[in-house]
Amino acid sequence: MEGTVFTPCLEGMKNVKSEQGEMLTKPFLDLCKTILPVIDKFGAAMTLVKADIGGNISRLEKNYLSDPDKYKYLYTFVQGEIESKTAKGSSSCTNGLLWLTRAMDFLVELFRNLVAHQDWPMSQACGESYQKTLKKWHGWLASSTFSMALKLAPDRKKFMDVISGSGDIYADMERFCTEFGPFLQENHKFLASVGLDDLKAS
């Protein structure tokens, strides 16, 4: 593997915004897709997260492909759904974008923990990240399912060996958190500006 498992993500980040600084739909979704192989390396512990992320990417992508010109910019989905009063529906693109962003928050926090606390076992890094990001949005069922899954977290050393490739994995991880985090913040800021950043899971 040339570079690390993060190399494609780091490349993809360069294209996420237009020259005017607006978030572009396809590059953002493509960037999120580059993270799926990283999640794969967690094995069973992240099956739920991967399914969730994959499902939300597909939902947004399907709408994007229905009219690529209309949906060139990421927030167009949300604006359209606010007008049609469908933004709060569980199958809306707004909901898809919100949960996709939250799942990515969890991953950024997880990789941040792995960089900052190199003595922590994987289960601790996962658990702390979950507490800080997703837990407050999950109902009891989602929360207990998630906590159970995280008990299957792989051995940290094995995981790091698998994702390192030929690059400097900690440097790439840190760069990923530093550069990807602001895109997620921007999504939250936009969703908050239209009062849709605090929807909870049923």
N, C-alpha and C. Protein backbone atom coordinates (compact mmCIF):
# COMPACT_ATOMS: atom_id res chain seq x y z
N MET A 1 0.85 -1.20 0.00
CA MET A 1 0.00 0.00 0.00
C MET A 1 0.89 1.25 0.00
N GLU A 2 0.73 2.04 -1.05
CA GLU A 2 1.48 3.30 -1.10
C GLU A 2 0.90 4.24 -0.05
N GLY A 3 1.75 4.83 0.75
CA GLY A 3 1.23 5.71 1.80
C GLY A 3 0.43 4.90 2.81
N THR A 4 -0.49 5.56 3.52
CA THR A 4 -1.30 4.87 4.52
C THR A 4 -2.73 4.74 4.00
N VAL A 5 -3.56 4.13 4.81
CA VAL A 5 -4.96 3.97 4.45
C VAL A 5 -5.65 5.35 4.35
N PHE A 6 -5.04 6.37 4.93
CA PHE A 6 -5.62 7.72 4.87
C PHE A 6 -5.23 8.51 3.63
N THR A 7 -4.25 8.01 2.87
CA THR A 7 -3.75 8.78 1.73
C THR A 7 -4.87 9.23 0.77
N PRO A 8 -5.80 8.31 0.38
CA PRO A 8 -6.87 8.77 -0.53
C PRO A 8 -7.75 9.86 0.09
N CYS A 9 -8.00 9.76 1.41
CA CYS A 9 -8.82 10.79 2.08
C CYS A 9 -8.12 12.15 1.99
N LEU A 10 -6.83 12.14 2.28
CA LEU A 10 -6.08 13.40 2.31
C LEU A 10 -6.04 14.03 0.93
N GLU A 11 -5.97 13.19 -0.09
CA GLU A 11 -6.00 13.69 -1.48
C GLU A 11 -7.37 14.30 -1.79
N GLY A 12 -8.41 13.56 -1.37
CA GLY A 12 -9.78 13.97 -1.70
C GLY A 12 -10.20 15.29 -1.07
N MET A 13 -9.57 15.66 0.03
CA MET A 13 -9.98 16.87 0.74
C MET A 13 -9.71 18.14 -0.05
N LYS A 14 -8.78 18.04 -0.99
CA LYS A 14 -8.41 19.25 -1.75
C LYS A 14 -9.55 19.74 -2.64
N ASN A 15 -10.48 18.83 -2.96
CA ASN A 15 -11.50 19.18 -3.96
C ASN A 15 -12.89 19.41 -3.40
N VAL A 16 -13.01 19.42 -2.08
CA VAL A 16 -14.35 19.45 -1.49
C VAL A 16 -15.07 20.78 -1.66
N LYS A 17 -14.30 21.85 -1.81
CA LYS A 17 -14.96 23.16 -1.91
C LYS A 17 -14.77 23.80 -3.28
N SER A 18 -15.77 24.59 -3.65
CA SER A 18 -15.66 25.34 -4.90
C SER A 18 -14.69 26.50 -4.68
N GLU A 19 -14.36 27.20 -5.74
CA GLU A 19 -13.44 28.34 -5.59
C GLU A 19 -14.04 29.40 -4.68
N GLN A 20 -15.39 29.43 -4.63
CA GLN A 20 -16.06 30.42 -3.77
C GLN A 20 -16.16 29.91 -2.33
N GLY A 21 -15.62 28.71 -2.08
CA GLY A 21 -15.64 28.18 -0.72
C GLY A 21 -16.92 27.46 -0.34
N GLU A 22 -17.71 27.05 -1.34
CA GLU A 22 -18.94 26.31 -1.01
C GLU A 22 -18.68 24.81 -1.06
N MET A 23 -19.38 24.09 -0.20
CA MET A 23 -19.21 22.63 -0.16
C MET A 23 -19.84 22.00 -1.39
N LEU A 24 -19.07 21.20 -2.09
CA LEU A 24 -19.57 20.53 -3.30
C LEU A 24 -20.07 19.13 -2.95
N THR A 25 -21.22 18.77 -3.46
CA THR A 25 -21.85 17.50 -3.08
C THR A 25 -21.01 16.28 -3.42
N LYS A 26 -20.68 16.13 -4.71
CA LYS A 26 -20.01 14.89 -5.12
C LYS A 26 -18.64 14.74 -4.45
N PRO A 27 -17.78 15.77 -4.49
CA PRO A 27 -16.48 15.61 -3.81
C PRO A 27 -16.61 15.30 -2.31
N PHE A 28 -17.62 15.88 -1.66
CA PHE A 28 -17.80 15.60 -0.22
C PHE A 28 -18.19 14.13 -0.02
N LEU A 29 -19.14 13.64 -0.83
CA LEU A 29 -19.57 12.25 -0.68
C LEU A 29 -18.44 11.29 -1.07
N ASP A 30 -17.70 11.65 -2.12
CA ASP A 30 -16.56 10.81 -2.51
C ASP A 30 -15.52 10.74 -1.40
N LEU A 31 -15.33 11.88 -0.74
CA LEU A 31 -14.37 11.93 0.37
C LEU A 31 -14.84 11.01 1.50
N CYS A 32 -16.13 11.06 1.81
CA CYS A 32 -16.65 10.18 2.87
C CYS A 32 -16.47 8.72 2.49
N LYS A 33 -16.60 8.42 1.18
CA LYS A 33 -16.42 7.03 0.73
C LYS A 33 -14.99 6.54 0.94
N THR A 34 -14.02 7.45 0.84
CA THR A 34 -12.62 7.01 1.02
C THR A 34 -12.37 6.57 2.45
N ILE A 35 -13.29 6.89 3.35
CA ILE A 35 -13.10 6.51 4.76
C ILE A 35 -13.63 5.09 5.02
N LEU A 36 -14.50 4.59 4.13
CA LEU A 36 -15.08 3.26 4.35
C LEU A 36 -14.02 2.16 4.46
N PRO A 37 -12.97 2.15 3.61
CA PRO A 37 -11.94 1.11 3.77
C PRO A 37 -11.22 1.18 5.12
N VAL A 38 -11.13 2.40 5.68
CA VAL A 38 -10.51 2.54 7.01
C VAL A 38 -11.42 1.85 8.05
N ILE A 39 -12.72 2.09 7.92
CA ILE A 39 -13.67 1.50 8.87
C ILE A 39 -13.66 -0.03 8.76
N ASP A 40 -13.49 -0.52 7.53
CA ASP A 40 -13.44 -1.97 7.32
C ASP A 40 -12.40 -2.65 8.20
N LYS A 41 -11.30 -1.95 8.42
CA LYS A 41 -10.19 -2.54 9.18
C LYS A 41 -10.54 -2.75 10.65
N PHE A 42 -11.65 -2.14 11.10
CA PHE A 42 -12.08 -2.36 12.49
C PHE A 42 -12.83 -3.68 12.64
N GLY A 43 -13.21 -4.27 11.51
CA GLY A 43 -13.97 -5.52 11.58
C GLY A 43 -15.36 -5.33 12.15
N ALA A 44 -15.81 -6.33 12.92
CA ALA A 44 -17.20 -6.36 13.39
C ALA A 44 -17.58 -5.17 14.27
N ALA A 45 -16.61 -4.58 14.94
CA ALA A 45 -16.92 -3.48 15.86
C ALA A 45 -17.58 -2.30 15.15
N MET A 46 -17.28 -2.15 13.86
CA MET A 46 -17.77 -0.97 13.14
C MET A 46 -18.79 -1.30 12.06
N THR A 47 -19.33 -2.51 12.09
CA THR A 47 -20.30 -2.89 11.05
C THR A 47 -21.46 -1.90 11.02
N LEU A 48 -21.96 -1.54 12.20
CA LEU A 48 -23.09 -0.61 12.28
C LEU A 48 -22.74 0.75 11.71
N VAL A 49 -21.57 1.24 12.12
CA VAL A 49 -21.13 2.56 11.67
C VAL A 49 -20.99 2.56 10.15
N LYS A 50 -20.39 1.48 9.64
CA LYS A 50 -20.16 1.43 8.20
C LYS A 50 -21.49 1.38 7.44
N ALA A 51 -22.43 0.58 7.94
CA ALA A 51 -23.73 0.47 7.28
C ALA A 51 -24.45 1.82 7.30
N ASP A 52 -24.35 2.50 8.41
CA ASP A 52 -24.99 3.79 8.59
C ASP A 52 -24.39 4.82 7.62
N ILE A 53 -23.07 4.88 7.60
CA ILE A 53 -22.39 5.84 6.72
C ILE A 53 -22.70 5.51 5.26
N GLY A 54 -22.57 4.23 4.92
CA GLY A 54 -22.82 3.81 3.54
C GLY A 54 -24.24 4.14 3.10
N GLY A 55 -25.21 3.88 3.99
CA GLY A 55 -26.61 4.16 3.68
C GLY A 55 -26.87 5.63 3.45
N ASN A 56 -26.27 6.47 4.30
CA ASN A 56 -26.48 7.91 4.17
C ASN A 56 -25.79 8.48 2.92
N ILE A 57 -24.62 7.95 2.61
CA ILE A 57 -23.94 8.38 1.38
C ILE A 57 -24.83 8.01 0.17
N SER A 58 -25.34 6.77 0.16
CA SER A 58 -26.17 6.32 -0.97
C SER A 58 -27.42 7.19 -1.13
N ARG A 59 -28.04 7.52 0.00
CA ARG A 59 -29.26 8.34 -0.06
C ARG A 59 -28.97 9.70 -0.70
N LEU A 60 -27.90 10.33 -0.25
CA LEU A 60 -27.55 11.65 -0.78
C LEU A 60 -27.11 11.54 -2.24
N GLU A 61 -26.37 10.47 -2.53
CA GLU A 61 -25.85 10.30 -3.88
C GLU A 61 -26.98 10.08 -4.88
N LYS A 62 -27.96 9.31 -4.45
CA LYS A 62 -29.10 9.00 -5.33
C LYS A 62 -29.81 10.30 -5.71
N ASN A 63 -30.02 11.16 -4.73
CA ASN A 63 -30.67 12.44 -5.03
C ASN A 63 -29.78 13.33 -5.88
N TYR A 64 -28.51 13.31 -5.57
CA TYR A 64 -27.57 14.11 -6.36
C TYR A 64 -27.63 13.69 -7.83
N LEU A 65 -27.60 12.38 -8.07
CA LEU A 65 -27.59 11.87 -9.44
C LEU A 65 -28.90 12.15 -10.19
N SER A 66 -29.97 12.38 -9.44
CA SER A 66 -31.25 12.68 -10.09
C SER A 66 -31.19 14.04 -10.80
N ASP A 67 -30.30 14.92 -10.33
CA ASP A 67 -30.15 16.24 -10.96
C ASP A 67 -28.82 16.87 -10.52
N PRO A 68 -27.70 16.41 -11.11
CA PRO A 68 -26.37 16.86 -10.65
C PRO A 68 -26.18 18.38 -10.70
N ASP A 69 -26.83 19.05 -11.65
CA ASP A 69 -26.67 20.52 -11.70
C ASP A 69 -27.37 21.18 -10.54
N LYS A 70 -28.58 20.71 -10.30
CA LYS A 70 -29.39 21.30 -9.22
C LYS A 70 -28.73 21.06 -7.86
N TYR A 71 -28.15 19.85 -7.70
CA TYR A 71 -27.60 19.49 -6.39
C TYR A 71 -26.08 19.57 -6.33
N LYS A 72 -25.54 20.45 -7.13
CA LYS A 72 -24.07 20.57 -7.17
C LYS A 72 -23.50 20.92 -5.78
N TYR A 73 -24.24 21.77 -5.06
CA TYR A 73 -23.77 22.19 -3.73
C TYR A 73 -24.50 21.40 -2.65
N LEU A 74 -23.75 21.00 -1.66
CA LEU A 74 -24.24 20.08 -0.64
C LEU A 74 -25.50 20.55 0.08
N TYR A 75 -25.59 21.84 0.35
CA TYR A 75 -26.71 22.29 1.19
C TYR A 75 -28.00 22.52 0.40
N THR A 76 -27.93 22.37 -0.93
CA THR A 76 -29.14 22.54 -1.75
C THR A 76 -30.22 21.54 -1.35
N PHE A 77 -29.78 20.31 -1.01
CA PHE A 77 -30.75 19.28 -0.57
C PHE A 77 -31.59 19.81 0.57
N VAL A 78 -30.88 20.33 1.55
CA VAL A 78 -31.54 20.76 2.79
C VAL A 78 -32.49 21.92 2.51
N GLN A 79 -32.01 22.88 1.72
CA GLN A 79 -32.86 24.04 1.43
C GLN A 79 -34.14 23.62 0.72
N GLY A 80 -34.02 22.66 -0.21
CA GLY A 80 -35.20 22.17 -0.92
C GLY A 80 -36.17 21.48 0.02
N GLU A 81 -35.62 20.68 0.94
CA GLU A 81 -36.48 19.94 1.88
C GLU A 81 -37.12 20.85 2.92
N ILE A 82 -36.45 21.95 3.24
CA ILE A 82 -37.07 22.90 4.19
C ILE A 82 -38.29 23.52 3.50
N GLU A 83 -38.12 23.88 2.22
CA GLU A 83 -39.24 24.47 1.48
C GLU A 83 -40.40 23.49 1.36
N SER A 84 -40.09 22.20 1.13
CA SER A 84 -41.17 21.23 0.97
C SER A 84 -41.61 20.62 2.31
N LYS A 85 -41.06 21.15 3.39
CA LYS A 85 -41.39 20.70 4.75
C LYS A 85 -41.12 19.20 4.98
N THR A 86 -40.10 18.66 4.32
CA THR A 86 -39.79 17.24 4.50
C THR A 86 -38.45 17.03 5.20
N ALA A 87 -37.80 18.13 5.60
CA ALA A 87 -36.43 18.04 6.13
C ALA A 87 -36.33 17.16 7.38
N LYS A 88 -37.40 17.13 8.19
CA LYS A 88 -37.29 16.39 9.46
C LYS A 88 -37.65 14.92 9.32
N GLY A 89 -38.07 14.50 8.13
CA GLY A 89 -38.44 13.09 7.93
C GLY A 89 -37.23 12.19 8.08
N SER A 90 -37.47 10.97 8.56
CA SER A 90 -36.31 10.10 8.83
C SER A 90 -35.61 9.67 7.54
N SER A 91 -36.29 9.76 6.40
CA SER A 91 -35.62 9.35 5.16
C SER A 91 -35.19 10.56 4.32
N SER A 92 -35.19 11.74 4.93
CA SER A 92 -34.80 12.94 4.18
C SER A 92 -33.29 13.00 3.96
N CYS A 93 -32.89 13.78 2.97
CA CYS A 93 -31.46 14.00 2.74
C CYS A 93 -30.86 14.81 3.89
N THR A 94 -31.68 15.68 4.46
CA THR A 94 -31.21 16.50 5.60
C THR A 94 -30.79 15.56 6.73
N ASN A 95 -31.65 14.58 7.02
CA ASN A 95 -31.36 13.61 8.07
C ASN A 95 -30.12 12.79 7.69
N GLY A 96 -30.02 12.44 6.40
CA GLY A 96 -28.86 11.69 5.92
C GLY A 96 -27.57 12.46 6.13
N LEU A 97 -27.61 13.75 5.79
CA LEU A 97 -26.41 14.59 5.94
C LEU A 97 -26.05 14.76 7.41
N LEU A 98 -27.06 14.95 8.24
CA LEU A 98 -26.83 15.13 9.67
C LEU A 98 -26.16 13.90 10.28
N TRP A 99 -26.72 12.71 9.99
CA TRP A 99 -26.16 11.49 10.59
C TRP A 99 -24.83 11.09 9.97
N LEU A 100 -24.65 11.43 8.69
CA LEU A 100 -23.35 11.17 8.06
C LEU A 100 -22.29 12.03 8.76
N THR A 101 -22.64 13.29 9.00
CA THR A 101 -21.70 14.20 9.66
C THR A 101 -21.41 13.73 11.08
N ARG A 102 -22.44 13.27 11.79
CA ARG A 102 -22.22 12.80 13.17
C ARG A 102 -21.34 11.55 13.21
N ALA A 103 -21.57 10.63 12.27
CA ALA A 103 -20.75 9.41 12.25
C ALA A 103 -19.29 9.78 11.97
N MET A 104 -19.10 10.78 11.11
CA MET A 104 -17.74 11.24 10.81
C MET A 104 -17.12 11.95 12.02
N ASP A 105 -17.95 12.67 12.77
CA ASP A 105 -17.47 13.30 14.02
C ASP A 105 -16.88 12.23 14.93
N PHE A 106 -17.62 11.12 15.04
CA PHE A 106 -17.19 10.01 15.89
C PHE A 106 -15.83 9.49 15.42
N LEU A 107 -15.67 9.32 14.11
CA LEU A 107 -14.41 8.78 13.58
C LEU A 107 -13.26 9.75 13.79
N VAL A 108 -13.52 11.04 13.55
CA VAL A 108 -12.46 12.04 13.75
C VAL A 108 -12.02 12.02 15.21
N GLU A 109 -12.99 11.96 16.11
CA GLU A 109 -12.68 11.94 17.55
C GLU A 109 -11.90 10.67 17.90
N LEU A 110 -12.29 9.56 17.29
CA LEU A 110 -11.61 8.29 17.54
C LEU A 110 -10.14 8.36 17.09
N PHE A 111 -9.92 8.87 15.89
CA PHE A 111 -8.53 8.95 15.40
C PHE A 111 -7.73 9.97 16.21
N ARG A 112 -8.42 11.01 16.67
CA ARG A 112 -7.75 12.00 17.52
C ARG A 112 -7.28 11.33 18.82
N ASN A 113 -8.15 10.49 19.38
CA ASN A 113 -7.79 9.76 20.60
C ASN A 113 -6.60 8.83 20.36
N LEU A 114 -6.60 8.16 19.21
CA LEU A 114 -5.51 7.22 18.93
C LEU A 114 -4.18 7.95 18.80
N VAL A 115 -4.23 9.17 18.26
CA VAL A 115 -3.00 9.96 18.14
C VAL A 115 -2.57 10.49 19.51
N ALA A 116 -3.53 11.03 20.25
CA ALA A 116 -3.21 11.71 21.52
C ALA A 116 -2.88 10.74 22.65
N HIS A 117 -3.51 9.56 22.63
CA HIS A 117 -3.33 8.61 23.75
C HIS A 117 -2.80 7.29 23.20
N GLN A 118 -1.52 7.27 22.91
CA GLN A 118 -0.99 6.09 22.25
C GLN A 118 -0.88 4.88 23.18
N ASP A 119 -1.20 5.10 24.46
CA ASP A 119 -1.17 3.97 25.40
C ASP A 119 -2.57 3.38 25.60
N TRP A 120 -3.60 4.03 25.05
CA TRP A 120 -4.97 3.55 25.26
C TRP A 120 -5.24 2.31 24.43
N PRO A 121 -5.96 1.32 24.99
CA PRO A 121 -6.42 0.22 24.14
C PRO A 121 -7.52 0.74 23.21
N MET A 122 -7.76 0.01 22.14
CA MET A 122 -8.74 0.44 21.15
C MET A 122 -10.13 0.64 21.74
N SER A 123 -10.52 -0.28 22.65
CA SER A 123 -11.88 -0.18 23.22
C SER A 123 -12.06 1.14 23.98
N GLN A 124 -11.01 1.59 24.65
CA GLN A 124 -11.10 2.85 25.39
C GLN A 124 -11.20 4.03 24.42
N ALA A 125 -10.38 4.00 23.37
CA ALA A 125 -10.41 5.08 22.38
C ALA A 125 -11.80 5.17 21.73
N CYS A 126 -12.38 4.00 21.41
CA CYS A 126 -13.72 3.96 20.80
C CYS A 126 -14.79 4.46 21.77
N GLY A 127 -14.71 3.94 23.01
CA GLY A 127 -15.72 4.30 24.02
C GLY A 127 -15.74 5.78 24.32
N GLU A 128 -14.56 6.37 24.50
CA GLU A 128 -14.48 7.80 24.80
C GLU A 128 -15.04 8.63 23.64
N SER A 129 -14.73 8.21 22.43
CA SER A 129 -15.20 8.95 21.26
C SER A 129 -16.71 8.89 21.16
N TYR A 130 -17.24 7.71 21.46
CA TYR A 130 -18.69 7.54 21.39
C TYR A 130 -19.39 8.46 22.42
N GLN A 131 -18.85 8.46 23.64
CA GLN A 131 -19.43 9.30 24.71
C GLN A 131 -19.47 10.77 24.28
N LYS A 132 -18.41 11.18 23.60
CA LYS A 132 -18.25 12.59 23.27
C LYS A 132 -19.08 13.03 22.07
N THR A 133 -19.37 12.08 21.17
CA THR A 133 -20.02 12.49 19.92
C THR A 133 -21.43 11.94 19.76
N LEU A 134 -21.57 10.64 19.56
CA LEU A 134 -22.87 10.09 19.16
C LEU A 134 -23.85 9.83 20.29
N LYS A 135 -23.30 9.55 21.48
CA LYS A 135 -24.17 9.03 22.55
C LYS A 135 -25.37 9.92 22.83
N LYS A 136 -25.17 11.23 22.87
CA LYS A 136 -26.28 12.11 23.26
C LYS A 136 -27.42 12.13 22.22
N TRP A 137 -27.11 11.66 21.00
CA TRP A 137 -28.15 11.65 19.95
C TRP A 137 -28.85 10.30 19.84
N HIS A 138 -28.30 9.31 20.51
CA HIS A 138 -28.85 7.96 20.38
C HIS A 138 -29.88 7.68 21.47
N GLY A 139 -30.92 6.95 21.10
CA GLY A 139 -31.87 6.48 22.12
C GLY A 139 -31.24 5.28 22.83
N TRP A 140 -31.98 4.70 23.75
CA TRP A 140 -31.44 3.60 24.56
C TRP A 140 -31.01 2.42 23.68
N LEU A 141 -31.85 2.08 22.71
CA LEU A 141 -31.57 0.90 21.88
C LEU A 141 -30.29 1.09 21.06
N ALA A 142 -30.23 2.22 20.36
CA ALA A 142 -29.05 2.48 19.52
C ALA A 142 -27.80 2.50 20.39
N SER A 143 -27.95 3.11 21.56
CA SER A 143 -26.81 3.25 22.46
C SER A 143 -26.31 1.90 22.95
N SER A 144 -27.23 1.02 23.36
CA SER A 144 -26.76 -0.28 23.87
C SER A 144 -26.19 -1.15 22.75
N THR A 145 -26.81 -1.06 21.55
CA THR A 145 -26.30 -1.83 20.41
C THR A 145 -24.88 -1.38 20.08
N PHE A 146 -24.70 -0.07 20.10
CA PHE A 146 -23.40 0.50 19.76
C PHE A 146 -22.34 0.09 20.78
N SER A 147 -22.71 0.20 22.05
CA SER A 147 -21.75 -0.16 23.11
C SER A 147 -21.34 -1.63 23.02
N MET A 148 -22.31 -2.49 22.68
CA MET A 148 -22.00 -3.91 22.52
C MET A 148 -21.00 -4.10 21.38
N ALA A 149 -21.27 -3.42 20.25
CA ALA A 149 -20.42 -3.57 19.07
C ALA A 149 -18.98 -3.13 19.37
N LEU A 150 -18.85 -2.07 20.16
CA LEU A 150 -17.50 -1.55 20.43
C LEU A 150 -16.66 -2.51 21.27
N LYS A 151 -17.34 -3.43 21.93
CA LYS A 151 -16.58 -4.44 22.70
C LYS A 151 -15.81 -5.37 21.75
N LEU A 152 -16.18 -5.36 20.47
CA LEU A 152 -15.50 -6.21 19.48
C LEU A 152 -14.32 -5.47 18.83
N ALA A 153 -13.99 -4.31 19.36
CA ALA A 153 -12.90 -3.52 18.77
C ALA A 153 -11.62 -4.36 18.65
N PRO A 154 -10.90 -4.22 17.54
CA PRO A 154 -9.69 -5.03 17.33
C PRO A 154 -8.55 -4.62 18.26
N ASP A 155 -7.57 -5.47 18.33
CA ASP A 155 -6.37 -5.15 19.09
C ASP A 155 -5.71 -3.94 18.45
N ARG A 156 -5.32 -2.99 19.28
CA ARG A 156 -4.81 -1.74 18.75
C ARG A 156 -3.57 -1.91 17.88
N LYS A 157 -2.63 -2.71 18.37
CA LYS A 157 -1.37 -2.83 17.62
C LYS A 157 -1.63 -3.46 16.24
N LYS A 158 -2.45 -4.52 16.23
CA LYS A 158 -2.76 -5.17 14.95
C LYS A 158 -3.42 -4.19 14.00
N PHE A 159 -4.36 -3.42 14.54
CA PHE A 159 -5.08 -2.45 13.71
C PHE A 159 -4.12 -1.43 13.11
N MET A 160 -3.24 -0.90 13.96
CA MET A 160 -2.29 0.12 13.48
C MET A 160 -1.37 -0.47 12.41
N ASP A 161 -0.96 -1.72 12.61
CA ASP A 161 -0.10 -2.35 11.60
C ASP A 161 -0.82 -2.47 10.26
N VAL A 162 -2.08 -2.84 10.32
CA VAL A 162 -2.86 -3.05 9.09
C VAL A 162 -3.04 -1.74 8.32
N ILE A 163 -3.28 -0.64 9.03
CA ILE A 163 -3.59 0.61 8.32
C ILE A 163 -2.35 1.44 7.98
N SER A 164 -1.19 1.06 8.50
CA SER A 164 -0.01 1.92 8.32
C SER A 164 0.52 1.99 6.90
N GLY A 165 0.50 0.85 6.18
CA GLY A 165 1.08 0.86 4.84
C GLY A 165 2.53 1.29 4.90
N SER A 166 2.93 2.16 3.96
CA SER A 166 4.33 2.56 3.93
C SER A 166 4.51 4.00 4.43
N GLY A 167 3.43 4.59 4.96
CA GLY A 167 3.52 6.00 5.36
C GLY A 167 3.64 6.16 6.86
N ASP A 168 3.60 7.42 7.30
CA ASP A 168 3.65 7.73 8.72
C ASP A 168 2.20 7.83 9.21
N ILE A 169 1.72 6.75 9.80
CA ILE A 169 0.29 6.66 10.10
C ILE A 169 -0.17 7.72 11.09
N TYR A 170 0.62 8.01 12.12
CA TYR A 170 0.16 9.01 13.09
C TYR A 170 0.11 10.40 12.48
N ALA A 171 1.06 10.71 11.62
CA ALA A 171 1.06 12.03 10.97
C ALA A 171 -0.17 12.16 10.07
N ASP A 172 -0.47 11.08 9.32
CA ASP A 172 -1.62 11.11 8.42
C ASP A 172 -2.93 11.19 9.19
N MET A 173 -2.99 10.46 10.29
CA MET A 173 -4.21 10.48 11.12
C MET A 173 -4.46 11.88 11.65
N GLU A 174 -3.39 12.48 12.12
CA GLU A 174 -3.51 13.83 12.69
C GLU A 174 -3.95 14.82 11.61
N ARG A 175 -3.36 14.68 10.44
CA ARG A 175 -3.73 15.57 9.32
C ARG A 175 -5.19 15.38 8.95
N PHE A 176 -5.62 14.12 8.95
CA PHE A 176 -7.01 13.81 8.63
C PHE A 176 -7.94 14.54 9.60
N CYS A 177 -7.65 14.44 10.90
CA CYS A 177 -8.50 15.09 11.92
C CYS A 177 -8.51 16.61 11.75
N THR A 178 -7.32 17.16 11.53
CA THR A 178 -7.17 18.61 11.42
C THR A 178 -7.88 19.16 10.19
N GLU A 179 -7.79 18.43 9.08
CA GLU A 179 -8.34 18.96 7.83
C GLU A 179 -9.80 18.56 7.59
N PHE A 180 -10.19 17.40 8.08
CA PHE A 180 -11.56 16.94 7.85
C PHE A 180 -12.52 17.56 8.86
N GLY A 181 -12.04 17.74 10.09
CA GLY A 181 -12.87 18.31 11.16
C GLY A 181 -13.61 19.59 10.76
N PRO A 182 -12.92 20.57 10.14
CA PRO A 182 -13.60 21.82 9.78
C PRO A 182 -14.76 21.65 8.79
N PHE A 183 -14.68 20.67 7.89
CA PHE A 183 -15.81 20.43 6.98
C PHE A 183 -17.04 20.01 7.78
N LEU A 184 -16.80 19.16 8.78
CA LEU A 184 -17.90 18.67 9.62
C LEU A 184 -18.49 19.82 10.43
N GLN A 185 -17.61 20.68 10.94
CA GLN A 185 -18.07 21.84 11.71
C GLN A 185 -18.96 22.73 10.84
N GLU A 186 -18.54 22.87 9.60
CA GLU A 186 -19.31 23.70 8.67
C GLU A 186 -20.70 23.12 8.43
N ASN A 187 -20.77 21.79 8.29
CA ASN A 187 -22.08 21.14 8.12
C ASN A 187 -22.96 21.41 9.34
N HIS A 188 -22.37 21.26 10.53
CA HIS A 188 -23.15 21.50 11.75
C HIS A 188 -23.63 22.95 11.82
N LYS A 189 -22.74 23.84 11.45
CA LYS A 189 -23.06 25.26 11.52
C LYS A 189 -24.24 25.58 10.59
N PHE A 190 -24.16 25.02 9.39
CA PHE A 190 -25.24 25.26 8.43
C PHE A 190 -26.55 24.65 8.95
N LEU A 191 -26.49 23.39 9.40
CA LEU A 191 -27.71 22.72 9.89
C LEU A 191 -28.28 23.45 11.11
N ALA A 192 -27.39 23.96 11.96
CA ALA A 192 -27.86 24.71 13.14
C ALA A 192 -28.53 26.01 12.70
N SER A 193 -28.02 26.62 11.64
CA SER A 193 -28.57 27.91 11.19
C SER A 193 -30.01 27.75 10.70
N VAL A 194 -30.37 26.52 10.30
CA VAL A 194 -31.77 26.29 9.87
C VAL A 194 -32.53 25.45 10.91
N GLY A 195 -31.94 25.34 12.09
CA GLY A 195 -32.63 24.66 13.21
C GLY A 195 -32.74 23.16 13.07
N LEU A 196 -31.77 22.54 12.36
CA LEU A 196 -31.88 21.09 12.12
C LEU A 196 -30.66 20.31 12.58
N ASP A 197 -29.92 20.88 13.52
CA ASP A 197 -28.71 20.18 13.95
C ASP A 197 -28.93 19.33 15.19
N ASP A 198 -30.15 19.32 15.71
CA ASP A 198 -30.34 18.61 16.99
C ASP A 198 -31.39 17.51 16.91
N LEU A 199 -31.63 16.97 15.70
CA LEU A 199 -32.59 15.87 15.59
C LEU A 199 -32.00 14.63 16.25
N LYS A 200 -32.84 13.91 16.98
CA LYS A 200 -32.35 12.70 17.67
C LYS A 200 -32.77 11.45 16.93
N ALA A 201 -32.10 10.37 17.24
CA ALA A 201 -32.50 9.08 16.65
C ALA A 201 -33.75 8.62 17.37
N SER A 202 -34.63 7.94 16.63
CA SER A 202 -35.85 7.47 17.30
C SER A 202 -35.49 6.31 18.21
